[in-house]
Amino acid sequence: MKILILLFAITAVIPSVVAQSQRRPRARELAHTFSIVARDPRTGEMGVAVQSHWFSVGTVVTWAEAGVGAVATQSFVQPSYGRDGLGLMRRGTSAPDALYQLLKSDAARNVRQVAFVDAQGNAAVWSGSHCIESAGHIAGSKKSERKIVGAVADGVMHVGQGYSVQANMMLSGKIWPAMDKAFNGTKGDLADRLIAALDAAQAAGGDARGRQSAAILVVKSKSSGKPWEDRVFDLRVEDHETPLVELRRLVGLARAYQHMNAGDLAVERKDNQAALREYGAAAKLAQSMPGVDKSRIAEMTFWHAQALVQMGRVDDSLPLFKKAFELHPQWVVMVPRVQKAGLLPNDRKVIDRILAQAPKGR
């Protein structure tokens, strides 16, 4: 795809770019992208995921809002499709109608590639006639075609249900069909299926120039009014030799920390059993992941042990403290500091028992 990360100021020069669309683009303007937008009919979660040979692709392509929808805007990127598309869908406009409205008023629509999905599962996707080959898309089931009145040569918008996959400047036309097949053939939650679609695109050849960055954004089905609590995943790989491998690792680690957060909330509710269950699940998940830094597991183990002490189960906590100290000895230093903050009891005997678990020589 062609990405111009010049935000809204670039709109002033886009018409002249379109007028010269037959010229050979300068290399610095060129990038590639394949992406997917989707809604999970079981949970109502909505999300968008992308990989590109462009730095920090997630900062411009991926948009989503709980209870509203998800957007991918690529090729000659116009970020206002994300902002304005979500705005229209928030006010009740369906994804197809919202995308149509924005395309109709965009003089540079023939170089855009954009996909919307809304909270009802309506999906719409557009590939402009001047997107660089190989470029194309597939909308979800119940497909129909919609052309821009007065601009039928600029491209075609397809309307579907549930999801859309799209790609431009690909090695071949096999990319988006591979994404479509993988998304529909993969079990798991929405994040699993989004990443499976990206993996399939890469396996089918992916970007002609290679790969550089990737991102995933998944939001809840309904808005809580607190956007920071409505993001299930919001992860980006800005610059990496194998961005999808790294993105999958980050998703796995994020799942572990979701259990940690749930454990913290359970502690606040004084639900001891739920807290221990969540902390244990976090550590188990992190330990099962290849290549996870020991310091991550140490922290999860330390807070699990700390919660046990607060529950009066000091004997049960000591093996966990021992493991945490062995994995990352700096946690020994943190014990008196955590106590000072009121998160361990003001009991010298208890603290001495905890510190006695440190490796000898510490």
Protein backbone atom coordinates (compact mmCIF):
# COMPACT_ATOMS: atom_id res chain seq x y z
CA MET A 1 0.00 0.00 0.00
CA LYS A 2 0.99 3.64 -0.12
CA ILE A 3 1.04 5.03 3.38
CA LEU A 4 1.38 8.78 3.92
CA ILE A 5 1.62 9.38 7.63
CA LEU A 6 1.02 13.09 7.37
CA LEU A 7 -2.33 12.98 9.16
CA PHE A 8 -4.89 15.56 8.23
CA ALA A 9 -2.55 18.18 6.78
CA ILE A 10 -1.92 15.92 3.78
CA THR A 11 -5.48 16.26 2.50
CA ALA A 12 -4.56 19.51 0.79
CA VAL A 13 -2.13 17.78 -1.56
CA ILE A 14 -4.02 14.54 -2.22
CA PRO A 15 -6.03 15.82 -5.23
CA SER A 16 -2.82 16.61 -7.10
CA VAL A 17 -1.51 13.16 -6.24
CA VAL A 18 -4.62 11.58 -7.72
CA ALA A 19 -4.32 13.69 -10.86
CA GLN A 20 -0.85 12.27 -11.32
CA SER A 21 -1.81 8.72 -10.36
CA GLN A 22 -0.15 7.27 -13.44
CA ARG A 23 3.31 8.44 -12.41
CA ARG A 24 5.72 6.04 -10.74
CA PRO A 25 5.44 6.56 -6.96
CA ARG A 26 8.60 7.61 -5.16
CA ALA A 27 10.08 4.77 -3.11
CA ARG A 28 9.70 6.64 0.14
CA GLU A 29 5.92 6.65 -0.37
CA LEU A 30 5.62 2.92 -0.81
CA ALA A 31 4.57 0.42 1.83
CA HIS A 32 2.39 -2.67 1.90
CA THR A 33 -0.44 -3.81 4.12
CA PHE A 34 -2.78 -6.68 4.73
CA SER A 35 -5.42 -6.31 7.40
CA ILE A 36 -8.66 -7.71 8.78
CA VAL A 37 -11.61 -6.16 10.61
CA ALA A 38 -14.10 -8.44 12.33
CA ARG A 39 -16.79 -8.88 14.94
CA ASP A 40 -17.12 -12.04 17.02
CA PRO A 41 -20.82 -13.07 16.93
CA ARG A 42 -20.41 -15.05 20.16
CA THR A 43 -18.90 -12.33 22.37
CA GLY A 44 -19.65 -9.20 20.38
CA GLU A 45 -16.00 -8.17 20.53
CA MET A 46 -14.73 -6.22 17.54
CA GLY A 47 -11.19 -5.87 16.31
CA VAL A 48 -8.69 -5.03 13.63
CA ALA A 49 -5.26 -6.51 12.94
CA VAL A 50 -2.60 -5.58 10.41
CA GLN A 51 0.91 -6.27 9.16
CA SER A 52 2.89 -4.00 6.87
CA HIS A 53 6.32 -3.18 5.52
CA TRP A 54 6.10 0.24 7.12
CA PHE A 55 7.21 1.59 10.46
CA SER A 56 4.58 1.64 13.24
CA VAL A 57 1.65 0.69 11.02
CA GLY A 58 -0.71 0.33 13.97
CA THR A 59 -0.61 4.03 14.74
CA VAL A 60 -2.49 4.88 11.54
CA VAL A 61 -4.31 1.79 10.22
CA THR A 62 -6.10 0.39 13.30
CA TRP A 63 -9.16 2.01 14.86
CA ALA A 64 -11.85 0.52 17.12
CA GLU A 65 -14.32 1.57 19.80
CA ALA A 66 -16.33 -0.66 22.14
CA GLY A 67 -20.00 -0.84 21.24
CA VAL A 68 -19.34 0.99 17.96
CA GLY A 69 -17.09 -0.78 15.45
CA ALA A 70 -13.64 -1.26 13.97
CA VAL A 71 -11.87 0.35 11.02
CA ALA A 72 -8.80 -0.38 8.90
CA THR A 73 -7.63 2.49 6.69
CA GLN A 74 -4.70 1.83 4.35
CA SER A 75 -3.18 2.32 0.87
CA PHE A 76 -2.90 6.14 0.72
CA VAL A 77 -3.87 6.32 4.38
CA GLN A 78 -6.40 8.93 5.42
CA PRO A 79 -6.72 8.62 9.22
CA SER A 80 -9.98 10.58 9.22
CA TYR A 81 -11.70 7.41 7.97
CA GLY A 82 -10.98 5.97 11.40
CA ARG A 83 -12.07 9.01 13.36
CA ASP A 84 -15.08 9.92 11.23
CA GLY A 85 -16.12 6.34 10.52
CA LEU A 86 -16.33 5.56 14.23
CA GLY A 87 -18.13 8.85 14.76
CA LEU A 88 -20.82 7.98 12.22
CA MET A 89 -21.25 4.45 13.55
CA ARG A 90 -21.43 5.80 17.10
CA ARG A 91 -24.42 7.88 16.00
CA GLY A 92 -26.17 4.82 14.58
CA THR A 93 -25.06 4.82 10.94
CA SER A 94 -24.37 1.30 9.66
CA ALA A 95 -20.86 0.39 8.54
CA PRO A 96 -21.81 0.29 4.82
CA ASP A 97 -23.61 3.63 4.95
CA ALA A 98 -20.81 5.24 6.95
CA LEU A 99 -18.14 4.08 4.54
CA TYR A 100 -20.23 5.14 1.53
CA GLN A 101 -20.70 8.65 2.94
CA LEU A 102 -17.00 9.13 3.54
CA LEU A 103 -15.99 7.72 0.17
CA LYS A 104 -18.47 9.89 -1.69
CA SER A 105 -16.93 13.05 -0.23
CA ASP A 106 -13.30 11.90 -0.75
CA ALA A 107 -11.77 13.12 -4.03
CA ALA A 108 -8.89 10.68 -3.52
CA ARG A 109 -11.03 7.58 -2.98
CA ASN A 110 -9.43 5.73 -5.91
CA VAL A 111 -6.17 5.37 -3.93
CA ARG A 112 -7.81 4.33 -0.66
CA GLN A 113 -8.37 0.90 0.80
CA VAL A 114 -10.74 0.97 3.77
CA ALA A 115 -12.82 -1.54 5.73
CA PHE A 116 -15.49 -1.02 8.42
CA VAL A 117 -17.39 -3.39 10.70
CA ASP A 118 -20.04 -2.22 13.15
CA ALA A 119 -21.49 -3.51 16.42
CA GLN A 120 -24.29 -5.32 14.56
CA GLY A 121 -21.77 -7.20 12.42
CA ASN A 122 -22.37 -5.26 9.21
CA ALA A 123 -19.14 -5.07 7.21
CA ALA A 124 -18.08 -2.96 4.23
CA VAL A 125 -14.82 -2.73 2.32
CA TRP A 126 -13.47 -0.60 -0.51
CA SER A 127 -10.39 -1.01 -2.71
CA GLY A 128 -9.81 1.99 -4.94
CA SER A 129 -9.09 1.41 -8.62
CA HIS A 130 -5.60 2.89 -8.21
CA CYS A 131 -4.47 0.76 -5.28
CA ILE A 132 -1.20 -0.86 -6.34
CA GLU A 133 -1.39 -4.50 -7.40
CA SER A 134 -1.77 -7.03 -6.16
CA ALA A 135 -4.72 -5.52 -4.31
CA GLY A 136 -8.12 -6.85 -3.36
CA HIS A 137 -10.52 -7.76 -0.61
CA ILE A 138 -13.19 -10.20 0.53
CA ALA A 139 -16.18 -9.19 2.63
CA GLY A 140 -17.93 -11.69 4.90
CA SER A 141 -21.06 -13.66 4.04
CA LYS A 142 -24.22 -12.16 2.51
CA LYS A 143 -22.16 -10.16 0.02
CA SER A 144 -23.50 -7.36 -2.14
CA GLU A 145 -21.93 -4.66 -4.30
CA ARG A 146 -22.34 -0.90 -4.03
CA LYS A 147 -20.82 1.68 -6.38
CA ILE A 148 -20.26 5.36 -5.74
CA VAL A 149 -22.81 7.37 -7.72
CA GLY A 150 -20.99 9.47 -10.29
CA ALA A 151 -17.66 7.70 -9.70
CA VAL A 152 -18.15 4.12 -10.84
CA ALA A 153 -14.62 3.95 -12.24
CA ASP A 154 -13.03 4.73 -8.86
CA GLY A 155 -13.66 1.33 -7.32
CA VAL A 156 -16.34 -0.89 -5.84
CA MET A 157 -17.55 -1.19 -2.26
CA HIS A 158 -18.56 -4.66 -1.13
CA VAL A 159 -20.93 -5.20 1.76
CA GLY A 160 -20.84 -8.34 3.86
CA GLN A 161 -21.44 -9.69 7.32
CA GLY A 162 -19.06 -10.23 10.22
CA TYR A 163 -15.67 -9.38 8.77
CA SER A 164 -13.56 -8.18 5.87
CA VAL A 165 -10.02 -8.97 4.73
CA GLN A 166 -8.08 -6.63 2.47
CA ALA A 167 -4.57 -6.19 1.09
CA ASN A 168 -2.63 -4.12 -1.39
CA MET A 169 0.87 -4.22 -2.94
CA MET A 170 1.00 -7.94 -2.25
CA LEU A 171 3.27 -10.49 -3.86
CA SER A 172 0.23 -12.11 -5.49
CA GLY A 173 -3.56 -12.27 -5.43
CA LYS A 174 -3.47 -15.29 -3.11
CA ILE A 175 -3.16 -13.22 0.05
CA TRP A 176 -6.71 -12.15 0.89
CA PRO A 177 -8.27 -15.53 -0.05
CA ALA A 178 -5.79 -17.17 2.33
CA MET A 179 -6.80 -14.74 5.07
CA ASP A 180 -10.48 -15.43 4.47
CA LYS A 181 -9.97 -19.18 4.71
CA ALA A 182 -7.84 -18.97 7.85
CA PHE A 183 -10.22 -16.66 9.69
CA ASN A 184 -13.19 -18.92 9.00
CA GLY A 185 -11.25 -22.11 9.73
CA THR A 186 -9.67 -21.11 13.03
CA LYS A 187 -11.17 -21.79 16.45
CA GLY A 188 -10.57 -19.62 19.49
CA ASP A 189 -11.38 -16.08 20.49
CA LEU A 190 -11.35 -13.09 18.17
CA ALA A 191 -7.67 -12.31 18.76
CA ASP A 192 -6.69 -15.88 17.85
CA ARG A 193 -8.67 -15.70 14.62
CA LEU A 194 -7.36 -12.26 13.64
CA ILE A 195 -3.76 -13.35 14.06
CA ALA A 196 -4.44 -16.61 12.21
CA ALA A 197 -5.60 -14.53 9.23
CA LEU A 198 -2.40 -12.48 9.32
CA ASP A 199 -0.26 -15.60 9.59
CA ALA A 200 -2.02 -17.08 6.57
CA ALA A 201 -1.35 -13.95 4.55
CA GLN A 202 2.34 -14.09 5.36
CA ALA A 203 2.49 -17.82 4.58
CA ALA A 204 0.91 -17.14 1.18
CA GLY A 205 3.68 -14.70 0.28
CA GLY A 206 2.67 -11.52 2.03
CA ASP A 207 4.15 -8.15 1.11
CA ALA A 208 6.40 -8.06 -1.91
CA ARG A 209 8.99 -5.96 -0.04
CA GLY A 210 8.88 -7.91 3.20
CA ARG A 211 7.61 -7.13 6.68
CA GLN A 212 8.29 -4.58 9.39
CA SER A 213 5.44 -3.85 11.79
CA ALA A 214 2.15 -5.28 12.99
CA ALA A 215 -0.69 -4.44 15.36
CA ILE A 216 -3.88 -5.78 16.90
CA LEU A 217 -6.71 -3.83 18.54
CA VAL A 218 -9.70 -5.66 20.08
CA VAL A 219 -12.49 -3.95 22.03
CA LYS A 220 -15.42 -5.17 24.08
CA SER A 221 -18.95 -5.51 22.74
CA LYS A 222 -20.35 -2.70 24.87
CA SER A 223 -18.89 0.57 26.06
CA SER A 224 -18.39 1.08 29.77
CA GLY A 225 -17.76 4.79 29.26
CA LYS A 226 -14.15 4.11 30.23
CA PRO A 227 -12.22 3.47 26.99
CA TRP A 228 -9.12 2.32 28.87
CA GLU A 229 -11.17 -0.54 30.33
CA ASP A 230 -12.84 -1.45 27.05
CA ARG A 231 -9.67 -2.49 25.18
CA VAL A 232 -9.15 -6.24 25.34
CA PHE A 233 -5.91 -6.04 23.32
CA ASP A 234 -4.07 -2.95 22.12
CA LEU A 235 -0.65 -4.13 21.01
CA ARG A 236 1.83 -2.92 18.40
CA VAL A 237 5.12 -4.17 17.02
CA GLU A 238 6.75 -1.07 15.57
CA ASP A 239 9.86 -2.48 13.86
CA HIS A 240 10.81 -6.16 13.84
CA GLU A 241 12.26 -8.78 11.50
CA THR A 242 9.30 -11.10 12.18
CA PRO A 243 6.52 -8.83 13.44
CA LEU A 244 3.80 -11.47 13.49
CA VAL A 245 5.90 -13.81 15.64
CA GLU A 246 6.47 -10.96 18.06
CA LEU A 247 2.81 -9.92 17.96
CA ARG A 248 1.68 -13.43 18.85
CA ARG A 249 4.16 -13.46 21.74
CA LEU A 250 2.80 -10.16 23.03
CA VAL A 251 -0.78 -11.42 22.82
CA GLY A 252 0.18 -14.45 24.91
CA LEU A 253 1.93 -12.28 27.48
CA ALA A 254 -1.03 -9.89 27.53
CA ARG A 255 -3.32 -12.80 28.36
CA ALA A 256 -1.13 -13.63 31.36
CA TYR A 257 -1.26 -10.05 32.60
CA GLN A 258 -5.03 -10.01 32.15
CA HIS A 259 -5.12 -12.78 34.75
CA MET A 260 -2.85 -10.68 36.99
CA ASN A 261 -5.21 -7.71 36.69
CA ALA A 262 -8.18 -9.94 37.46
CA GLY A 263 -6.32 -11.20 40.53
CA ASP A 264 -5.73 -7.65 41.73
CA LEU A 265 -9.42 -6.85 41.34
CA ALA A 266 -10.32 -10.00 43.27
CA VAL A 267 -8.04 -8.88 46.11
CA GLU A 268 -9.86 -5.55 46.20
CA ARG A 269 -13.14 -7.45 46.49
CA LYS A 270 -11.59 -9.66 49.20
CA ASP A 271 -12.32 -12.70 47.04
CA ASN A 272 -9.27 -14.68 48.10
CA GLN A 273 -9.97 -17.81 46.12
CA ALA A 274 -10.52 -15.92 42.87
CA ALA A 275 -7.33 -13.93 43.45
CA LEU A 276 -5.23 -17.04 43.95
CA ARG A 277 -6.82 -18.72 40.95
CA GLU A 278 -6.06 -15.74 38.70
CA TYR A 279 -2.49 -15.26 39.94
CA GLY A 280 -1.81 -18.96 39.49
CA ALA A 281 -3.24 -18.91 35.98
CA ALA A 282 -1.06 -15.93 35.06
CA ALA A 283 2.15 -17.60 36.18
CA LYS A 284 1.23 -20.90 34.54
CA LEU A 285 0.47 -19.22 31.24
CA ALA A 286 3.67 -17.17 31.28
CA GLN A 287 5.78 -20.21 32.12
CA SER A 288 4.28 -22.13 29.20
CA MET A 289 5.41 -19.49 26.71
CA PRO A 290 8.82 -20.04 25.09
CA GLY A 291 11.36 -17.33 25.63
CA VAL A 292 9.54 -15.34 28.31
CA ASP A 293 12.01 -13.39 30.41
CA LYS A 294 12.40 -14.80 33.93
CA SER A 295 11.77 -11.40 35.46
CA ARG A 296 8.16 -11.50 34.18
CA ILE A 297 7.51 -14.84 35.84
CA ALA A 298 9.27 -13.64 38.99
CA GLU A 299 6.95 -10.67 39.33
CA MET A 300 3.81 -12.74 38.84
CA THR A 301 5.08 -15.26 41.39
CA PHE A 302 6.00 -12.54 43.90
CA TRP A 303 2.54 -10.95 43.87
CA HIS A 304 0.92 -14.36 44.15
CA ALA A 305 3.03 -14.97 47.27
CA GLN A 306 2.26 -11.50 48.65
CA ALA A 307 -1.47 -12.16 48.31
CA LEU A 308 -1.10 -15.41 50.22
CA VAL A 309 0.61 -13.59 53.10
CA GLN A 310 -2.16 -11.01 53.21
CA MET A 311 -4.60 -13.89 53.51
CA GLY A 312 -2.67 -15.28 56.48
CA ARG A 313 -1.22 -18.20 54.52
CA VAL A 314 2.43 -17.47 55.17
CA ASP A 315 3.55 -21.12 54.98
CA ASP A 316 2.00 -21.45 51.51
CA SER A 317 3.68 -18.24 50.36
CA LEU A 318 7.26 -19.16 51.20
CA PRO A 319 7.93 -21.57 48.27
CA LEU A 320 6.63 -18.91 45.90
CA PHE A 321 8.83 -16.22 47.42
CA LYS A 322 11.77 -18.60 47.09
CA LYS A 323 11.02 -19.15 43.41
CA ALA A 324 10.59 -15.42 42.74
CA PHE A 325 13.92 -14.61 44.43
CA GLU A 326 15.72 -17.32 42.46
CA LEU A 327 14.29 -16.08 39.18
CA HIS A 328 15.07 -12.41 39.87
CA PRO A 329 17.01 -11.63 43.08
CA GLN A 330 16.10 -7.93 43.02
CA TRP A 331 12.72 -8.85 44.48
CA VAL A 332 14.52 -9.44 47.80
CA VAL A 333 15.21 -5.70 47.90
CA MET A 334 11.54 -4.98 47.27
CA VAL A 335 10.24 -6.87 50.32
CA PRO A 336 10.77 -4.09 52.92
CA ARG A 337 9.54 -1.51 50.43
CA VAL A 338 6.36 -3.47 49.77
CA GLN A 339 5.91 -3.82 53.52
CA LYS A 340 6.33 -0.05 53.99
CA ALA A 341 3.55 0.47 51.43
CA GLY A 342 1.25 -1.66 53.58
CA LEU A 343 1.17 -4.65 51.26
CA LEU A 344 2.95 -6.97 53.69
CA PRO A 345 2.29 -7.13 57.46
CA ASN A 346 4.28 -5.07 59.94
CA ASP A 347 5.54 -8.25 61.55
CA ARG A 348 9.29 -8.72 61.84
CA LYS A 349 9.00 -12.49 62.17
CA VAL A 350 6.97 -12.82 58.97
CA ILE A 351 9.32 -10.56 57.03
CA ASP A 352 12.36 -12.49 58.29
CA ARG A 353 10.79 -15.75 57.15
CA ILE A 354 10.20 -14.27 53.71
CA LEU A 355 13.73 -12.88 53.41
CA ALA A 356 15.13 -16.25 54.51
CA GLN A 357 13.94 -17.63 51.17
CA ALA A 358 16.52 -15.54 49.30
CA PRO A 359 19.43 -17.37 47.67
CA LYS A 360 22.42 -17.68 49.97
CA GLY A 361 24.83 -14.80 49.72
CA ARG A 362 22.11 -12.24 49.13
